[in-house]
Amino acid sequence: MVHGNENIDRKAIVWAANPDPAIYDEVNRYVGSLDAHMAHLKQVGAVYWSLLPPQRIRTEQFEIPMSGYIYSTESGMVDYRVRIIDISYDYDRKKKKCIPSFRSSKNREDVLMLLIDQIDLMTPSRELKEFIKKTDGTPIAGPMSGNIAIVSDPLY
């Protein structure tokens, strides 16, 4: 994934995907499924992935397109890199088809919407500690249960 300006200060987002449908109710059983998101992306060309960050994130701080990295709770590793082409708290109504049926199409001011047009398996997978947080310069420590982190893009 090439960005043009390969600046090490470029930001990326790391978040966790938990595909275990047992932790969700029947309506939301695929919200953490990478396979379900990838199938939707393949079908329509892009997919919205919504996240509920612990605090509001200023979306204007990001240079789009940008990288995202998905931590798998199954493998305990960062297994996927994505290209994010839009990030906001309000999805683009012209791109409503990019919202999979297992995601709500209602805008919520606390839900961060990532519009993704590419998901790639990383080889090799990476450990969380390889990602350095922009907030304090320390590696991500421990599992990411529902959290997201803004990191310096390692350009993997």
N, C-alpha and C. Protein backbone atom coordinates (compact mmCIF):
# COMPACT_ATOMS: atom_id res chain seq x y z
N MET A 1 0.86 -1.16 0.00
CA MET A 1 0.00 0.00 0.00
C MET A 1 0.91 1.23 0.00
N VAL A 2 0.88 2.01 -1.04
CA VAL A 2 1.74 3.17 -1.15
C VAL A 2 0.91 4.42 -0.96
N HIS A 3 1.45 5.36 -0.20
CA HIS A 3 0.71 6.58 0.12
C HIS A 3 1.22 7.80 -0.62
N GLY A 4 2.30 7.70 -1.34
CA GLY A 4 2.85 8.88 -1.98
C GLY A 4 3.91 9.49 -1.09
N ASN A 5 3.51 10.10 0.01
CA ASN A 5 4.45 10.68 0.95
C ASN A 5 4.69 9.68 2.07
N GLU A 6 5.82 8.98 2.02
CA GLU A 6 6.14 7.92 2.99
C GLU A 6 6.72 8.53 4.26
N ASN A 7 5.98 9.40 4.89
CA ASN A 7 6.44 10.12 6.07
C ASN A 7 6.18 9.28 7.32
N ILE A 8 7.21 9.06 8.12
CA ILE A 8 7.08 8.23 9.31
C ILE A 8 6.13 8.86 10.34
N ASP A 9 5.88 10.15 10.25
CA ASP A 9 4.97 10.81 11.19
C ASP A 9 3.51 10.64 10.80
N ARG A 10 3.26 9.96 9.74
CA ARG A 10 1.89 9.71 9.29
C ARG A 10 1.17 8.84 10.31
N LYS A 11 -0.09 9.15 10.55
CA LYS A 11 -0.88 8.42 11.55
C LYS A 11 -1.61 7.25 10.92
N ALA A 12 -1.85 6.25 11.74
CA ALA A 12 -2.65 5.09 11.37
C ALA A 12 -3.50 4.73 12.58
N ILE A 13 -4.49 3.89 12.36
CA ILE A 13 -5.37 3.45 13.45
C ILE A 13 -5.24 1.94 13.57
N VAL A 14 -5.15 1.47 14.81
CA VAL A 14 -5.17 0.04 15.10
C VAL A 14 -6.42 -0.23 15.92
N TRP A 15 -7.16 -1.28 15.53
CA TRP A 15 -8.33 -1.65 16.32
C TRP A 15 -8.48 -3.16 16.35
N ALA A 16 -9.28 -3.63 17.26
CA ALA A 16 -9.48 -5.06 17.44
C ALA A 16 -10.74 -5.53 16.73
N ALA A 17 -10.64 -6.71 16.13
CA ALA A 17 -11.80 -7.38 15.54
C ALA A 17 -12.00 -8.66 16.32
N ASN A 18 -13.19 -8.82 16.86
CA ASN A 18 -13.52 -10.04 17.58
C ASN A 18 -14.64 -10.73 16.83
N PRO A 19 -14.30 -11.76 16.05
CA PRO A 19 -15.31 -12.40 15.20
C PRO A 19 -16.21 -13.39 15.92
N ASP A 20 -16.03 -13.59 17.20
CA ASP A 20 -16.81 -14.59 17.92
C ASP A 20 -18.26 -14.15 18.04
N PRO A 21 -19.18 -14.77 17.26
CA PRO A 21 -20.58 -14.35 17.31
C PRO A 21 -21.24 -14.61 18.66
N ALA A 22 -20.63 -15.43 19.49
CA ALA A 22 -21.21 -15.74 20.81
C ALA A 22 -21.23 -14.52 21.74
N ILE A 23 -20.37 -13.52 21.48
CA ILE A 23 -20.35 -12.36 22.38
C ILE A 23 -21.36 -11.28 21.97
N TYR A 24 -22.00 -11.47 20.83
CA TYR A 24 -22.96 -10.50 20.32
C TYR A 24 -24.37 -11.07 20.37
N ASP A 25 -25.36 -10.18 20.35
CA ASP A 25 -26.73 -10.67 20.23
C ASP A 25 -26.99 -11.07 18.77
N GLU A 26 -28.14 -11.63 18.49
CA GLU A 26 -28.45 -12.15 17.16
C GLU A 26 -28.37 -11.07 16.08
N VAL A 27 -28.81 -9.87 16.38
CA VAL A 27 -28.80 -8.78 15.41
C VAL A 27 -27.38 -8.35 15.06
N ASN A 28 -26.49 -8.34 16.04
CA ASN A 28 -25.13 -7.82 15.85
C ASN A 28 -24.07 -8.91 15.71
N ARG A 29 -24.45 -10.11 15.38
CA ARG A 29 -23.52 -11.24 15.43
C ARG A 29 -22.33 -11.14 14.48
N TYR A 30 -22.38 -10.29 13.45
CA TYR A 30 -21.27 -10.20 12.50
C TYR A 30 -20.48 -8.90 12.61
N VAL A 31 -20.77 -8.05 13.58
CA VAL A 31 -20.10 -6.74 13.62
C VAL A 31 -18.59 -6.85 13.80
N GLY A 32 -18.11 -7.92 14.41
CA GLY A 32 -16.68 -8.09 14.59
C GLY A 32 -16.05 -9.03 13.58
N SER A 33 -16.82 -9.46 12.60
CA SER A 33 -16.34 -10.45 11.65
C SER A 33 -15.58 -9.82 10.49
N LEU A 34 -14.32 -10.12 10.41
CA LEU A 34 -13.52 -9.66 9.29
C LEU A 34 -14.00 -10.27 7.98
N ASP A 35 -14.35 -11.55 8.03
CA ASP A 35 -14.85 -12.22 6.82
C ASP A 35 -16.11 -11.55 6.27
N ALA A 36 -17.02 -11.19 7.17
CA ALA A 36 -18.27 -10.53 6.73
C ALA A 36 -17.97 -9.17 6.11
N HIS A 37 -17.05 -8.41 6.70
CA HIS A 37 -16.68 -7.11 6.14
C HIS A 37 -15.99 -7.27 4.78
N MET A 38 -15.11 -8.27 4.67
CA MET A 38 -14.41 -8.50 3.41
C MET A 38 -15.37 -8.92 2.30
N ALA A 39 -16.35 -9.72 2.63
CA ALA A 39 -17.35 -10.14 1.64
C ALA A 39 -18.13 -8.94 1.13
N HIS A 40 -18.51 -8.04 2.05
CA HIS A 40 -19.26 -6.84 1.64
C HIS A 40 -18.39 -5.94 0.76
N LEU A 41 -17.13 -5.77 1.15
CA LEU A 41 -16.20 -4.95 0.36
C LEU A 41 -16.07 -5.53 -1.05
N LYS A 42 -15.92 -6.83 -1.16
CA LYS A 42 -15.79 -7.48 -2.47
C LYS A 42 -17.05 -7.27 -3.31
N GLN A 43 -18.21 -7.28 -2.67
CA GLN A 43 -19.48 -7.15 -3.37
C GLN A 43 -19.71 -5.73 -3.89
N VAL A 44 -19.41 -4.70 -3.08
CA VAL A 44 -19.75 -3.33 -3.49
C VAL A 44 -18.55 -2.40 -3.67
N GLY A 45 -17.33 -2.86 -3.35
CA GLY A 45 -16.14 -2.05 -3.59
C GLY A 45 -15.62 -1.29 -2.39
N ALA A 46 -16.39 -1.22 -1.32
CA ALA A 46 -15.95 -0.54 -0.09
C ALA A 46 -16.89 -0.99 1.03
N VAL A 47 -16.43 -0.81 2.25
CA VAL A 47 -17.26 -1.20 3.40
C VAL A 47 -17.02 -0.24 4.55
N TYR A 48 -18.10 0.11 5.23
CA TYR A 48 -17.98 0.89 6.46
C TYR A 48 -17.72 -0.06 7.63
N TRP A 49 -16.75 0.30 8.45
CA TRP A 49 -16.49 -0.41 9.71
C TRP A 49 -16.67 0.64 10.79
N SER A 50 -17.61 0.42 11.67
CA SER A 50 -17.86 1.42 12.71
C SER A 50 -17.21 1.00 14.02
N LEU A 51 -16.66 1.97 14.70
CA LEU A 51 -15.97 1.76 15.97
C LEU A 51 -16.56 2.68 17.02
N LEU A 52 -16.49 2.25 18.25
CA LEU A 52 -16.98 3.05 19.36
C LEU A 52 -15.79 3.40 20.24
N PRO A 53 -15.07 4.49 19.89
CA PRO A 53 -13.88 4.83 20.67
C PRO A 53 -14.26 5.28 22.09
N PRO A 54 -13.33 5.10 23.04
CA PRO A 54 -13.62 5.49 24.42
C PRO A 54 -13.81 6.99 24.59
N GLN A 55 -13.28 7.77 23.66
CA GLN A 55 -13.48 9.22 23.68
C GLN A 55 -13.51 9.71 22.24
N ARG A 56 -14.09 10.88 22.03
CA ARG A 56 -14.21 11.42 20.68
C ARG A 56 -12.82 11.71 20.11
N ILE A 57 -12.63 11.33 18.86
CA ILE A 57 -11.37 11.52 18.16
C ILE A 57 -11.56 12.61 17.11
N ARG A 58 -10.61 13.53 17.04
CA ARG A 58 -10.67 14.58 16.02
C ARG A 58 -10.31 13.96 14.66
N THR A 59 -11.29 13.83 13.79
CA THR A 59 -11.05 13.17 12.50
C THR A 59 -10.22 14.03 11.56
N GLU A 60 -10.20 15.34 11.77
CA GLU A 60 -9.44 16.22 10.88
C GLU A 60 -7.93 16.04 11.04
N GLN A 61 -7.49 15.32 12.05
CA GLN A 61 -6.05 15.11 12.25
C GLN A 61 -5.47 14.08 11.27
N PHE A 62 -6.33 13.36 10.56
CA PHE A 62 -5.87 12.28 9.69
C PHE A 62 -5.75 12.73 8.25
N GLU A 63 -4.70 12.24 7.58
CA GLU A 63 -4.51 12.47 6.16
C GLU A 63 -5.08 11.26 5.42
N ILE A 64 -6.05 11.51 4.58
CA ILE A 64 -6.77 10.44 3.86
C ILE A 64 -6.25 10.37 2.43
N PRO A 65 -6.02 9.17 1.86
CA PRO A 65 -6.23 7.87 2.48
C PRO A 65 -5.18 7.60 3.55
N MET A 66 -5.53 6.70 4.45
CA MET A 66 -4.61 6.35 5.53
C MET A 66 -4.67 4.85 5.78
N SER A 67 -3.70 4.36 6.50
CA SER A 67 -3.66 2.94 6.84
C SER A 67 -4.39 2.67 8.13
N GLY A 68 -4.94 1.49 8.23
CA GLY A 68 -5.49 0.96 9.46
C GLY A 68 -4.96 -0.45 9.62
N TYR A 69 -4.89 -0.90 10.84
CA TYR A 69 -4.37 -2.24 11.13
C TYR A 69 -5.35 -2.93 12.06
N ILE A 70 -5.68 -4.18 11.76
CA ILE A 70 -6.68 -4.90 12.54
C ILE A 70 -6.02 -5.99 13.37
N TYR A 71 -6.22 -5.88 14.67
CA TYR A 71 -5.75 -6.87 15.63
C TYR A 71 -6.82 -7.95 15.74
N SER A 72 -6.42 -9.20 15.55
CA SER A 72 -7.36 -10.32 15.65
C SER A 72 -7.32 -10.89 17.06
N THR A 73 -8.48 -10.94 17.70
CA THR A 73 -8.53 -11.54 19.03
C THR A 73 -8.35 -13.05 18.95
N GLU A 74 -8.58 -13.62 17.78
CA GLU A 74 -8.37 -15.07 17.61
C GLU A 74 -6.89 -15.43 17.59
N SER A 75 -6.10 -14.69 16.81
CA SER A 75 -4.68 -15.01 16.67
C SER A 75 -3.82 -14.29 17.70
N GLY A 76 -4.34 -13.19 18.27
CA GLY A 76 -3.53 -12.40 19.19
C GLY A 76 -2.46 -11.59 18.48
N MET A 77 -2.67 -11.37 17.19
CA MET A 77 -1.69 -10.65 16.35
C MET A 77 -2.42 -9.62 15.49
N VAL A 78 -1.65 -8.67 14.97
CA VAL A 78 -2.18 -7.74 13.98
C VAL A 78 -1.99 -8.44 12.63
N ASP A 79 -3.09 -8.88 12.06
CA ASP A 79 -3.06 -9.73 10.87
C ASP A 79 -3.41 -9.01 9.57
N TYR A 80 -4.09 -7.87 9.65
CA TYR A 80 -4.59 -7.22 8.44
C TYR A 80 -4.25 -5.74 8.41
N ARG A 81 -3.98 -5.27 7.20
CA ARG A 81 -3.78 -3.84 6.93
C ARG A 81 -4.92 -3.42 6.02
N VAL A 82 -5.48 -2.25 6.27
CA VAL A 82 -6.57 -1.74 5.44
C VAL A 82 -6.22 -0.35 4.93
N ARG A 83 -6.90 0.04 3.86
CA ARG A 83 -6.80 1.43 3.39
C ARG A 83 -8.12 2.10 3.72
N ILE A 84 -8.03 3.16 4.51
CA ILE A 84 -9.20 3.93 4.93
C ILE A 84 -9.31 5.14 4.00
N ILE A 85 -10.45 5.28 3.33
CA ILE A 85 -10.62 6.38 2.38
C ILE A 85 -11.52 7.49 2.91
N ASP A 86 -12.13 7.24 4.06
CA ASP A 86 -12.91 8.29 4.73
C ASP A 86 -13.04 7.91 6.19
N ILE A 87 -13.03 8.92 7.04
CA ILE A 87 -13.20 8.71 8.47
C ILE A 87 -14.00 9.88 9.03
N SER A 88 -15.11 9.54 9.66
CA SER A 88 -15.97 10.61 10.19
C SER A 88 -16.95 10.02 11.20
N TYR A 89 -17.72 10.88 11.80
CA TYR A 89 -18.80 10.45 12.69
C TYR A 89 -20.14 10.47 11.97
N ASP A 90 -20.10 10.61 10.66
CA ASP A 90 -21.31 10.68 9.85
C ASP A 90 -21.00 10.02 8.51
N TYR A 91 -21.67 8.94 8.20
CA TYR A 91 -21.37 8.28 6.93
C TYR A 91 -21.89 9.11 5.76
N ASP A 92 -21.24 8.94 4.61
CA ASP A 92 -21.61 9.63 3.38
C ASP A 92 -22.88 8.96 2.83
N ARG A 93 -23.98 9.68 2.82
CA ARG A 93 -25.26 9.12 2.39
C ARG A 93 -25.22 8.58 0.96
N LYS A 94 -24.32 9.13 0.13
CA LYS A 94 -24.17 8.64 -1.24
C LYS A 94 -23.52 7.26 -1.26
N LYS A 95 -22.92 6.88 -0.15
CA LYS A 95 -22.23 5.59 -0.06
C LYS A 95 -22.95 4.64 0.89
N LYS A 96 -24.25 4.80 1.02
CA LYS A 96 -25.03 3.96 1.94
C LYS A 96 -24.90 2.48 1.60
N LYS A 97 -24.69 2.16 0.34
CA LYS A 97 -24.53 0.76 -0.05
C LYS A 97 -23.31 0.12 0.60
N CYS A 98 -22.39 0.94 1.09
CA CYS A 98 -21.17 0.43 1.73
C CYS A 98 -21.40 0.00 3.18
N ILE A 99 -22.60 0.25 3.70
CA ILE A 99 -22.92 -0.18 5.06
C ILE A 99 -23.48 -1.59 4.98
N PRO A 100 -22.77 -2.57 5.56
CA PRO A 100 -23.28 -3.94 5.50
C PRO A 100 -24.57 -4.07 6.30
N SER A 101 -25.36 -5.07 5.95
CA SER A 101 -26.67 -5.25 6.60
C SER A 101 -26.56 -5.49 8.10
N PHE A 102 -25.42 -5.98 8.57
CA PHE A 102 -25.25 -6.24 10.00
C PHE A 102 -24.80 -5.00 10.77
N ARG A 103 -24.63 -3.88 10.09
CA ARG A 103 -24.29 -2.60 10.73
C ARG A 103 -25.51 -1.69 10.67
N SER A 104 -25.67 -0.85 11.68
CA SER A 104 -26.77 0.10 11.68
C SER A 104 -26.46 1.23 10.71
N SER A 105 -27.47 1.66 9.97
CA SER A 105 -27.30 2.80 9.06
C SER A 105 -27.66 4.11 9.74
N LYS A 106 -27.99 4.05 11.02
CA LYS A 106 -28.30 5.27 11.77
C LYS A 106 -27.01 5.93 12.23
N ASN A 107 -26.91 7.23 12.01
CA ASN A 107 -25.75 7.96 12.50
C ASN A 107 -25.85 8.14 14.00
N ARG A 108 -24.75 7.90 14.68
CA ARG A 108 -24.65 8.17 16.11
C ARG A 108 -23.41 9.01 16.30
N GLU A 109 -23.51 10.07 17.07
CA GLU A 109 -22.37 10.97 17.20
C GLU A 109 -21.19 10.36 17.94
N ASP A 110 -21.37 9.20 18.59
CA ASP A 110 -20.27 8.57 19.29
C ASP A 110 -19.63 7.41 18.51
N VAL A 111 -20.13 7.12 17.30
CA VAL A 111 -19.62 6.02 16.51
C VAL A 111 -18.76 6.55 15.37
N LEU A 112 -17.52 6.11 15.34
CA LEU A 112 -16.57 6.51 14.32
C LEU A 112 -16.74 5.60 13.11
N MET A 113 -16.95 6.17 11.95
CA MET A 113 -17.19 5.42 10.72
C MET A 113 -15.93 5.44 9.85
N LEU A 114 -15.38 4.26 9.58
CA LEU A 114 -14.22 4.13 8.70
C LEU A 114 -14.70 3.54 7.39
N LEU A 115 -14.46 4.23 6.30
CA LEU A 115 -14.80 3.70 4.98
C LEU A 115 -13.53 3.07 4.40
N ILE A 116 -13.59 1.77 4.16
CA ILE A 116 -12.42 0.98 3.77
C ILE A 116 -12.62 0.45 2.36
N ASP A 117 -11.58 0.60 1.52
CA ASP A 117 -11.70 0.06 0.16
C ASP A 117 -10.67 -1.03 -0.13
N GLN A 118 -9.87 -1.38 0.88
CA GLN A 118 -8.88 -2.44 0.67
C GLN A 118 -8.55 -3.09 2.01
N ILE A 119 -8.54 -4.41 2.04
CA ILE A 119 -8.15 -5.18 3.22
C ILE A 119 -7.15 -6.22 2.75
N ASP A 120 -5.94 -6.18 3.32
CA ASP A 120 -4.88 -7.10 2.93
C ASP A 120 -4.38 -7.89 4.12
N LEU A 121 -4.16 -9.18 3.91
CA LEU A 121 -3.53 -10.02 4.91
C LEU A 121 -2.06 -9.63 4.99
N MET A 122 -1.57 -9.40 6.18
CA MET A 122 -0.17 -9.04 6.35
C MET A 122 0.66 -10.32 6.55
N THR A 123 1.75 -10.42 5.83
CA THR A 123 2.67 -11.52 6.05
C THR A 123 4.07 -10.95 6.19
N PRO A 124 4.67 -11.08 7.32
CA PRO A 124 4.14 -11.79 8.50
C PRO A 124 3.18 -10.91 9.29
N SER A 125 2.42 -11.58 10.14
CA SER A 125 1.58 -10.84 11.10
C SER A 125 2.51 -10.10 12.06
N ARG A 126 1.98 -9.09 12.73
CA ARG A 126 2.79 -8.28 13.64
C ARG A 126 2.23 -8.33 15.05
N GLU A 127 3.11 -8.14 16.02
CA GLU A 127 2.69 -8.06 17.41
C GLU A 127 2.25 -6.63 17.72
N LEU A 128 1.33 -6.50 18.66
CA LEU A 128 0.85 -5.16 19.04
C LEU A 128 1.99 -4.25 19.48
N LYS A 129 2.97 -4.80 20.16
CA LYS A 129 4.07 -3.98 20.69
C LYS A 129 4.91 -3.34 19.58
N GLU A 130 4.73 -3.76 18.34
CA GLU A 130 5.44 -3.16 17.21
C GLU A 130 4.81 -1.84 16.77
N PHE A 131 3.63 -1.52 17.31
CA PHE A 131 2.92 -0.29 16.95
C PHE A 131 3.10 0.73 18.07
N ILE A 132 3.59 1.91 17.70
CA ILE A 132 3.92 2.95 18.68
C ILE A 132 2.82 4.01 18.71
N LYS A 133 2.25 4.21 19.90
CA LYS A 133 1.16 5.18 20.06
C LYS A 133 1.65 6.60 19.84
N LYS A 134 0.86 7.39 19.14
CA LYS A 134 1.19 8.80 18.89
C LYS A 134 1.06 9.63 20.17
N THR A 135 0.20 9.22 21.08
CA THR A 135 -0.06 10.02 22.28
C THR A 135 1.15 10.12 23.20
N ASP A 136 1.86 9.00 23.38
CA ASP A 136 2.97 9.02 24.35
C ASP A 136 4.24 8.32 23.89
N GLY A 137 4.27 7.84 22.65
CA GLY A 137 5.47 7.22 22.12
C GLY A 137 5.77 5.82 22.65
N THR A 138 4.79 5.21 23.31
CA THR A 138 5.01 3.87 23.85
C THR A 138 4.32 2.84 22.97
N PRO A 139 4.80 1.59 23.03
CA PRO A 139 4.13 0.53 22.26
C PRO A 139 2.76 0.21 22.84
N ILE A 140 1.89 -0.31 21.99
CA ILE A 140 0.59 -0.79 22.48
C ILE A 140 0.88 -2.01 23.35
N ALA A 141 0.33 -2.00 24.54
CA ALA A 141 0.56 -3.11 25.47
C ALA A 141 -0.74 -3.87 25.70
N GLY A 142 -0.67 -5.18 25.63
CA GLY A 142 -1.81 -6.02 25.96
C GLY A 142 -2.89 -6.04 24.90
N PRO A 143 -3.84 -6.94 25.09
CA PRO A 143 -4.94 -7.08 24.13
C PRO A 143 -5.77 -5.80 24.01
N MET A 144 -6.39 -5.63 22.87
CA MET A 144 -7.17 -4.42 22.59
C MET A 144 -8.65 -4.74 22.64
N SER A 145 -9.18 -4.96 23.79
CA SER A 145 -10.60 -5.31 23.90
C SER A 145 -11.48 -4.09 23.67
N GLY A 146 -11.88 -3.90 22.43
CA GLY A 146 -12.79 -2.81 22.08
C GLY A 146 -12.15 -1.45 21.93
N ASN A 147 -10.88 -1.32 22.20
CA ASN A 147 -10.22 -0.02 22.10
C ASN A 147 -9.61 0.19 20.72
N ILE A 148 -9.30 1.44 20.43
CA ILE A 148 -8.55 1.75 19.22
C ILE A 148 -7.34 2.56 19.66
N ALA A 149 -6.32 2.55 18.83
CA ALA A 149 -5.11 3.32 19.12
C ALA A 149 -4.70 4.08 17.87
N ILE A 150 -4.26 5.30 18.08
CA ILE A 150 -3.68 6.08 16.99
C ILE A 150 -2.19 5.90 17.11
N VAL A 151 -1.56 5.44 16.02
CA VAL A 151 -0.14 5.09 16.05
C VAL A 151 0.60 5.79 14.91
N SER A 152 1.93 5.81 15.01
CA SER A 152 2.75 6.20 13.88
C SER A 152 2.67 5.06 12.87
N ASP A 153 2.35 5.38 11.63
CA ASP A 153 2.18 4.33 10.62
C ASP A 153 3.53 3.67 10.35
N PRO A 154 3.65 2.38 10.68
CA PRO A 154 4.92 1.69 10.44
C PRO A 154 5.12 1.31 8.97
N LEU A 155 4.09 1.56 8.14
CA LEU A 155 4.14 1.29 6.70
C LEU A 155 4.42 -0.17 6.39
N TYR A 156 3.82 -1.07 7.13
CA TYR A 156 3.95 -2.51 6.87
C TYR A 156 3.20 -2.85 5.61
